[in-house]
PDB file of N, CA and C in Angstrom:
ATOM      1  N   MET A   1     125.686  69.581 104.290  1.00  0.00           N
ATOM      2  CA  MET A   1     124.911  70.771 104.351  1.00  0.00           C
ATOM      3  C   MET A   1     125.138  71.271 105.495  1.00  0.00           C
ATOM      4  N   SER A   2     124.664  72.219 105.847  1.00  0.00           N
ATOM      5  CA  SER A   2     124.860  73.423 107.157  1.00  0.00           C
ATOM      6  C   SER A   2     123.670  73.200 107.945  1.00  0.00           C
ATOM      7  N   ASP A   3     124.070  73.059 109.234  1.00  0.00           N
ATOM      8  CA  ASP A   3     122.897  72.919 110.393  1.00  0.00           C
ATOM      9  C   ASP A   3     122.393  74.208 110.485  1.00  0.00           C
ATOM     10  N   LYS A   4     121.039  74.308 110.581  1.00  0.00           N
ATOM     11  CA  LYS A   4     120.154  75.363 110.818  1.00  0.00           C
ATOM     12  C   LYS A   4     119.989  75.718 112.489  1.00  0.00           C
ATOM     13  N   ILE A   5     119.591  76.602 112.465  1.00  0.00           N
ATOM     14  CA  ILE A   5     118.963  77.287 113.851  1.00  0.00           C
ATOM     15  C   ILE A   5     117.724  78.604 113.855  1.00  0.00           C
ATOM     16  N   GLU A   6     116.782  78.533 114.800  1.00  0.00           N
ATOM     17  CA  GLU A   6     115.761  79.687 114.868  1.00  0.00           C
ATOM     18  C   GLU A   6     116.343  80.567 115.306  1.00  0.00           C
ATOM     19  N   VAL A   7     116.327  81.820 114.758  1.00  0.00           N
ATOM     20  CA  VAL A   7     116.761  82.676 116.360  1.00  0.00           C
ATOM     21  C   VAL A   7     115.523  83.910 116.112  1.00  0.00           C
ATOM     22  N   PRO A   8     115.214  84.523 116.835  1.00  0.00           N
ATOM     23  CA  PRO A   8     114.078  85.568 117.296  1.00  0.00           C
ATOM     24  C   PRO A   8     114.051  86.887 116.352  1.00  0.00           C
ATOM     25  N   LEU A   9     113.380  87.127 115.388  1.00  0.00           N
ATOM     26  CA  LEU A   9     113.490  88.420 114.155  1.00  0.00           C
ATOM     27  C   LEU A   9     113.842  89.771 115.022  1.00  0.00           C
ATOM     28  N   ASP A  10     113.244  89.944 116.314  1.00  0.00           N
ATOM     29  CA  ASP A  10     113.663  91.088 117.066  1.00  0.00           C
ATOM     30  C   ASP A  10     115.194  91.034 117.107  1.00  0.00           C
ATOM     31  N   GLU A  11     116.121  89.929 117.728  1.00  0.00           N
ATOM     32  CA  GLU A  11     117.243  90.085 117.859  1.00  0.00           C
ATOM     33  C   GLU A  11     117.947  89.860 116.510  1.00  0.00           C
ATOM     34  N   VAL A  12     117.766  89.277 115.449  1.00  0.00           N
ATOM     35  CA  VAL A  12     118.351  89.707 113.883  1.00  0.00           C
ATOM     36  C   VAL A  12     117.996  90.942 113.663  1.00  0.00           C
ATOM     37  N   LYS A  13     117.156  91.758 113.928  1.00  0.00           N
ATOM     38  CA  LYS A  13     117.075  93.208 113.528  1.00  0.00           C
ATOM     39  C   LYS A  13     118.097  94.234 114.636  1.00  0.00           C
ATOM     40  N   ARG A  14     118.121  93.962 115.943  1.00  0.00           N
ATOM     41  CA  ARG A  14     118.952  94.116 116.703  1.00  0.00           C
ATOM     42  C   ARG A  14     120.171  94.244 116.279  1.00  0.00           C
ATOM     43  N   LEU A  15     120.735  93.206 116.150  1.00  0.00           N
ATOM     44  CA  LEU A  15     121.982  92.925 115.622  1.00  0.00           C
ATOM     45  C   LEU A  15     122.568  93.292 114.182  1.00  0.00           C
ATOM     46  N   PHE A  16     121.386  93.482 113.429  1.00  0.00           N
ATOM     47  CA  PHE A  16     121.539  94.357 111.770  1.00  0.00           C
ATOM     48  C   PHE A  16     121.883  95.399 112.428  1.00  0.00           C
ATOM     49  N   LEU A  17     121.035  96.179 112.941  1.00  0.00           N
ATOM     50  CA  LEU A  17     120.944  97.722 113.421  1.00  0.00           C
ATOM     51  C   LEU A  17     122.538  98.293 114.122  1.00  0.00           C
ATOM     52  N   PHE A  18     123.142  96.941 115.095  1.00  0.00           N
ATOM     53  CA  PHE A  18     124.108  97.361 115.675  1.00  0.00           C
ATOM     54  C   PHE A  18     125.600  97.104 114.443  1.00  0.00           C
ATOM     55  N   LEU A  19     125.144  96.218 113.805  1.00  0.00           N
ATOM     56  CA  LEU A  19     126.107  96.242 112.600  1.00  0.00           C
ATOM     57  C   LEU A  19     126.278  97.291 111.817  1.00  0.00           C
ATOM     58  N   GLU A  20     125.257  97.806 111.416  1.00  0.00           N
ATOM     59  CA  GLU A  20     124.778  99.122 110.567  1.00  0.00           C
ATOM     60  C   GLU A  20     125.791 100.122 111.442  1.00  0.00           C
ATOM     61  N   GLU A  21     125.207 100.185 112.116  1.00  0.00           N
ATOM     62  CA  GLU A  21     126.177 101.518 113.071  1.00  0.00           C
ATOM     63  C   GLU A  21     127.562 101.278 113.527  1.00  0.00           C
ATOM     64  N   LEU A  22     128.192 100.270 113.673  1.00  0.00           N
ATOM     65  CA  LEU A  22     129.635 100.100 113.276  1.00  0.00           C
ATOM     66  C   LEU A  22     130.242 100.460 112.274  1.00  0.00           C
ATOM     67  N   ASN A  23     129.030 100.331 110.919  1.00  0.00           N
ATOM     68  CA  ASN A  23     129.963  99.946 109.344  1.00  0.00           C
ATOM     69  C   ASN A  23     129.698 101.449 108.983  1.00  0.00           C
ATOM     70  N   HIS A  24     128.754 102.398 109.391  1.00  0.00           N
ATOM     71  CA  HIS A  24     128.854 103.819 109.560  1.00  0.00           C
ATOM     72  C   HIS A  24     129.938 104.331 110.247  1.00  0.00           C
ATOM     73  N   PHE A  25     129.750 103.815 111.398  1.00  0.00           N
ATOM     74  CA  PHE A  25     131.407 104.683 111.756  1.00  0.00           C
ATOM     75  C   PHE A  25     132.765 104.001 110.890  1.00  0.00           C
ATOM     76  N   PHE A  26     132.902 102.638 111.131  1.00  0.00           N
ATOM     77  CA  PHE A  26     134.485 102.583 110.641  1.00  0.00           C
ATOM     78  C   PHE A  26     134.713 102.629 109.332  1.00  0.00           C
ATOM     79  N   HIS A  27     133.721 102.339 108.221  1.00  0.00           N
ATOM     80  CA  HIS A  27     133.727 102.625 106.969  1.00  0.00           C
ATOM     81  C   HIS A  27     134.386 104.323 106.556  1.00  0.00           C
ATOM     82  N   GLN A  28     134.409 105.373 107.739  1.00  0.00           N
ATOM     83  CA  GLN A  28     135.225 106.720 107.341  1.00  0.00           C
ATOM     84  C   GLN A  28     136.609 106.453 108.313  1.00  0.00           C
ATOM     85  N   PRO A  29     137.763 106.556 107.491  1.00  0.00           N
ATOM     86  CA  PRO A  29     138.459 106.285 108.124  1.00  0.00           C
ATOM     87  C   PRO A  29     139.058 107.476 108.906  1.00  0.00           C
ATOM     88  N   MET A  30     138.549 108.823 108.758  1.00  0.00           N
ATOM     89  CA  MET A  30     138.489 110.396 109.764  1.00  0.00           C
ATOM     90  C   MET A  30     137.873 109.817 110.742  1.00  0.00           C
ATOM     91  N   HIS A  31     136.868 109.152 110.820  1.00  0.00           N
ATOM     92  CA  HIS A  31     136.381 108.848 112.109  1.00  0.00           C
ATOM     93  C   HIS A  31     137.341 108.111 113.342  1.00  0.00           C
ATOM     94  N   TYR A  32     138.038 107.141 112.768  1.00  0.00           N
ATOM     95  CA  TYR A  32     138.823 106.460 113.758  1.00  0.00           C
ATOM     96  C   TYR A  32     140.517 106.642 113.494  1.00  0.00           C
ATOM     97  N   GLU A  33     140.568 107.710 112.911  1.00  0.00           N
ATOM     98  CA  GLU A  33     141.999 108.070 113.148  1.00  0.00           C
ATOM     99  C   GLU A  33     142.460 109.101 114.296  1.00  0.00           C
ATOM    100  N   ASP A  34     141.314 109.642 114.868  1.00  0.00           N
ATOM    101  CA  ASP A  34     141.440 110.541 116.042  1.00  0.00           C
ATOM    102  C   ASP A  34     140.817 109.318 117.077  1.00  0.00           C
ATOM    103  N   HIS A  35     142.055 109.595 118.066  1.00  0.00           N
ATOM    104  CA  HIS A  35     142.134 108.689 119.073  1.00  0.00           C
ATOM    105  C   HIS A  35     140.953 108.907 120.082  1.00  0.00           C
ATOM    106  N   ALA A  36     140.471 110.357 120.246  1.00  0.00           N
ATOM    107  CA  ALA A  36     139.529 110.621 121.219  1.00  0.00           C
ATOM    108  C   ALA A  36     138.290 110.558 120.702  1.00  0.00           C
ATOM    109  N   ALA A  37     137.820 111.059 119.159  1.00  0.00           N
ATOM    110  CA  ALA A  37     136.889 110.122 118.531  1.00  0.00           C
ATOM    111  C   ALA A  37     136.509 108.843 119.135  1.00  0.00           C
ATOM    112  N   VAL A  38     137.096 107.882 118.775  1.00  0.00           N
ATOM    113  CA  VAL A  38     136.737 106.365 119.134  1.00  0.00           C
ATOM    114  C   VAL A  38     136.685 106.082 120.404  1.00  0.00           C
ATOM    115  N   VAL A  39     137.621 106.820 121.340  1.00  0.00           N
ATOM    116  CA  VAL A  39     137.217 106.541 122.915  1.00  0.00           C
ATOM    117  C   VAL A  39     136.051 107.282 122.897  1.00  0.00           C
ATOM    118  N   LYS A  40     135.121 108.142 122.551  1.00  0.00           N
ATOM    119  CA  LYS A  40     134.238 108.946 122.637  1.00  0.00           C
ATOM    120  C   LYS A  40     133.037 107.742 122.158  1.00  0.00           C
ATOM    121  N   TYR A  41     132.977 107.401 121.160  1.00  0.00           N
ATOM    122  CA  TYR A  41     132.381 106.228 120.446  1.00  0.00           C
ATOM    123  C   TYR A  41     132.195 105.037 121.326  1.00  0.00           C
ATOM    124  N   ILE A  42     132.877 104.606 121.942  1.00  0.00           N
ATOM    125  CA  ILE A  42     133.354 103.580 122.708  1.00  0.00           C
ATOM    126  C   ILE A  42     132.466 104.043 123.777  1.00  0.00           C
ATOM    127  N   GLU A  43     132.964 104.821 124.600  1.00  0.00           N
ATOM    128  CA  GLU A  43     132.347 104.739 125.828  1.00  0.00           C
ATOM    129  C   GLU A  43     130.885 106.012 125.782  1.00  0.00           C
ATOM    130  N   GLY A  44     130.305 106.058 124.726  1.00  0.00           N
ATOM    131  CA  GLY A  44     129.008 106.267 124.447  1.00  0.00           C
ATOM    132  C   GLY A  44     128.110 105.436 124.239  1.00  0.00           C
ATOM    133  N   GLY A  45     128.738 103.868 124.441  1.00  0.00           N
ATOM    134  CA  GLY A  45     127.207 103.065 124.796  1.00  0.00           C
ATOM    135  C   GLY A  45     127.936 101.769 123.813  1.00  0.00           C
ATOM    136  N   MET A  46     129.084 101.876 122.899  1.00  0.00           N
ATOM    137  CA  MET A  46     129.408 100.850 121.994  1.00  0.00           C
ATOM    138  C   MET A  46     129.547  99.860 122.542  1.00  0.00           C
ATOM    139  N   TYR A  47     130.468 100.025 123.505  1.00  0.00           N
ATOM    140  CA  TYR A  47     131.016  98.758 123.858  1.00  0.00           C
ATOM    141  C   TYR A  47     129.933  97.930 124.400  1.00  0.00           C
ATOM    142  N   GLU A  48     128.897  98.505 125.491  1.00  0.00           N
ATOM    143  CA  GLU A  48     128.116  97.671 126.169  1.00  0.00           C
ATOM    144  C   GLU A  48     127.606  96.948 124.836  1.00  0.00           C
ATOM    145  N   GLN A  49     127.255  97.754 123.904  1.00  0.00           N
ATOM    146  CA  GLN A  49     126.220  96.467 122.759  1.00  0.00           C
ATOM    147  C   GLN A  49     127.286  95.839 122.170  1.00  0.00           C
ATOM    148  N   ILE A  50     128.547  95.972 122.070  1.00  0.00           N
ATOM    149  CA  ILE A  50     129.052  94.511 121.630  1.00  0.00           C
ATOM    150  C   ILE A  50     129.063  93.741 122.704  1.00  0.00           C
ATOM    151  N   HIS A  51     129.281  93.780 123.784  1.00  0.00           N
ATOM    152  CA  HIS A  51     129.218  92.760 125.079  1.00  0.00           C
ATOM    153  C   HIS A  51     128.170  92.530 124.998  1.00  0.00           C
ATOM    154  N   SER A  52     126.971  93.129 124.543  1.00  0.00           N
ATOM    155  CA  SER A  52     125.431  92.517 124.953  1.00  0.00           C
ATOM    156  C   SER A  52     125.186  91.403 123.580  1.00  0.00           C
ATOM    157  N   MET A  53     125.777  91.964 122.583  1.00  0.00           N
ATOM    158  CA  MET A  53     125.497  91.083 120.971  1.00  0.00           C
ATOM    159  C   MET A  53     126.342  89.647 121.491  1.00  0.00           C
ATOM    160  N   TYR A  54     127.409  89.645 121.976  1.00  0.00           N
ATOM    161  CA  TYR A  54     128.688  88.625 122.068  1.00  0.00           C
ATOM    162  C   TYR A  54     127.855  87.953 123.130  1.00  0.00           C
ATOM    163  N   TYR A  55     127.597  88.304 124.407  1.00  0.00           N
ATOM    164  CA  TYR A  55     127.383  87.274 125.288  1.00  0.00           C
ATOM    165  C   TYR A  55     126.136  86.662 125.757  1.00  0.00           C
ATOM    166  N   HIS A  56     124.901  87.720 125.112  1.00  0.00           N
ATOM    167  CA  HIS A  56     123.577  87.531 125.253  1.00  0.00           C
ATOM    168  C   HIS A  56     122.731  87.591 124.024  1.00  0.00           C
ATOM    169  N   VAL A  57     122.980  87.597 123.162  1.00  0.00           N
ATOM    170  CA  VAL A  57     122.428  87.164 122.013  1.00  0.00           C
ATOM    171  C   VAL A  57     122.896  86.247 121.096  1.00  0.00           C
ATOM    172  N   VAL A  58     124.284  86.440 120.168  1.00  0.00           N
ATOM    173  CA  VAL A  58     124.763  85.528 119.272  1.00  0.00           C
ATOM    174  C   VAL A  58     125.218  84.239 120.107  1.00  0.00           C
ATOM    175  N   TRP A  59     125.696  84.771 121.290  1.00  0.00           N
ATOM    176  CA  TRP A  59     126.366  83.464 122.250  1.00  0.00           C
ATOM    177  C   TRP A  59     124.525  82.500 122.141  1.00  0.00           C
ATOM    178  N   ASN A  60     123.351  82.716 122.485  1.00  0.00           N
ATOM    179  CA  ASN A  60     122.856  82.492 123.053  1.00  0.00           C
ATOM    180  C   ASN A  60     121.685  81.474 121.832  1.00  0.00           C
ATOM    181  N   TRP A  61     122.270  82.120 120.577  1.00  0.00           N
ATOM    182  CA  TRP A  61     121.829  81.173 119.443  1.00  0.00           C
ATOM    183  C   TRP A  61     122.254  79.961 119.159  1.00  0.00           C
ATOM    184  N   LEU A  62     123.778  79.556 119.494  1.00  0.00           N
ATOM    185  CA  LEU A  62     124.434  78.915 119.681  1.00  0.00           C
ATOM    186  C   LEU A  62     124.021  77.560 120.282  1.00  0.00           C
ATOM    187  N   PRO A  63     124.046  76.252 119.605  1.00  0.00           N
ATOM    188  CA  PRO A  63     123.493  75.184 120.410  1.00  0.00           C
ATOM    189  C   PRO A  63     124.303  74.801 121.571  1.00  0.00           C
ATOM    190  N   PRO A  64     124.100  73.807 122.516  1.00  0.00           N
ATOM    191  CA  PRO A  64     125.161  73.852 123.476  1.00  0.00           C
ATOM    192  C   PRO A  64     126.245  73.178 122.990  1.00  0.00           C
ATOM    193  N   ALA A  65     126.550  71.960 122.339  1.00  0.00           N
ATOM    194  CA  ALA A  65     127.730  71.298 121.597  1.00  0.00           C
ATOM    195  C   ALA A  65     128.342  72.485 120.610  1.00  0.00           C
ATOM    196  N   VAL A  66     128.051  73.384 120.569  1.00  0.00           N
ATOM    197  CA  VAL A  66     128.711  74.345 119.858  1.00  0.00           C
ATOM    198  C   VAL A  66     129.618  75.339 120.426  1.00  0.00           C
ATOM    199  N   GLN A  67     128.264  75.796 121.757  1.00  0.00           N
ATOM    200  CA  GLN A  67     129.186  76.756 122.664  1.00  0.00           C
ATOM    201  C   GLN A  67     130.827  75.739 123.595  1.00  0.00           C
ATOM    202  N   LYS A  68     130.186  74.852 123.490  1.00  0.00           N
ATOM    203  CA  LYS A  68     131.156  73.976 124.506  1.00  0.00           C
ATOM    204  C   LYS A  68     132.225  73.804 123.277  1.00  0.00           C
ATOM    205  N   GLU A  69     132.261  73.571 122.086  1.00  0.00           N
ATOM    206  CA  GLU A  69     133.361  73.579 121.197  1.00  0.00           C
ATOM    207  C   GLU A  69     134.211  74.943 121.343  1.00  0.00           C
ATOM    208  N   ILE A  70     133.482  75.928 121.424  1.00  0.00           N
ATOM    209  CA  ILE A  70     134.093  77.252 121.708  1.00  0.00           C
ATOM    210  C   ILE A  70     134.833  77.802 122.677  1.00  0.00           C
ATOM    211  N   GLU A  71     134.035  77.012 123.805  1.00  0.00           N
ATOM    212  CA  GLU A  71     135.115  76.972 124.945  1.00  0.00           C
ATOM    213  C   GLU A  71     136.245  76.124 125.273  1.00  0.00           C
ATOM    214  N   ASP A  72     136.149  75.432 124.235  1.00  0.00           N
ATOM    215  CA  ASP A  72     137.019  74.411 124.484  1.00  0.00           C
ATOM    216  C   ASP A  72     138.405  74.742 123.767  1.00  0.00           C
ATOM    217  N   ARG A  73     138.222  75.728 122.738  1.00  0.00           N
ATOM    218  CA  ARG A  73     139.466  75.856 121.726  1.00  0.00           C
ATOM    219  C   ARG A  73     140.442  76.110 122.404  1.00  0.00           C
TER     220      ARG A  73
END
């Protein structure tokens, strides 16, 4: 059986909307075949969102033991 954690609904919604935006951009090859368009997309705030989701949202959902396991790999 898998362990369970509680996460704030507003953070789940934020992550969902973020993934929706990534999916919208990357499911169309024409969006990322143009290097300049990808750079513009990333510089338009997408990297900041990725950073925030990774370091401040999902990371904080992980129990300390799991964070330690990830850090030690």
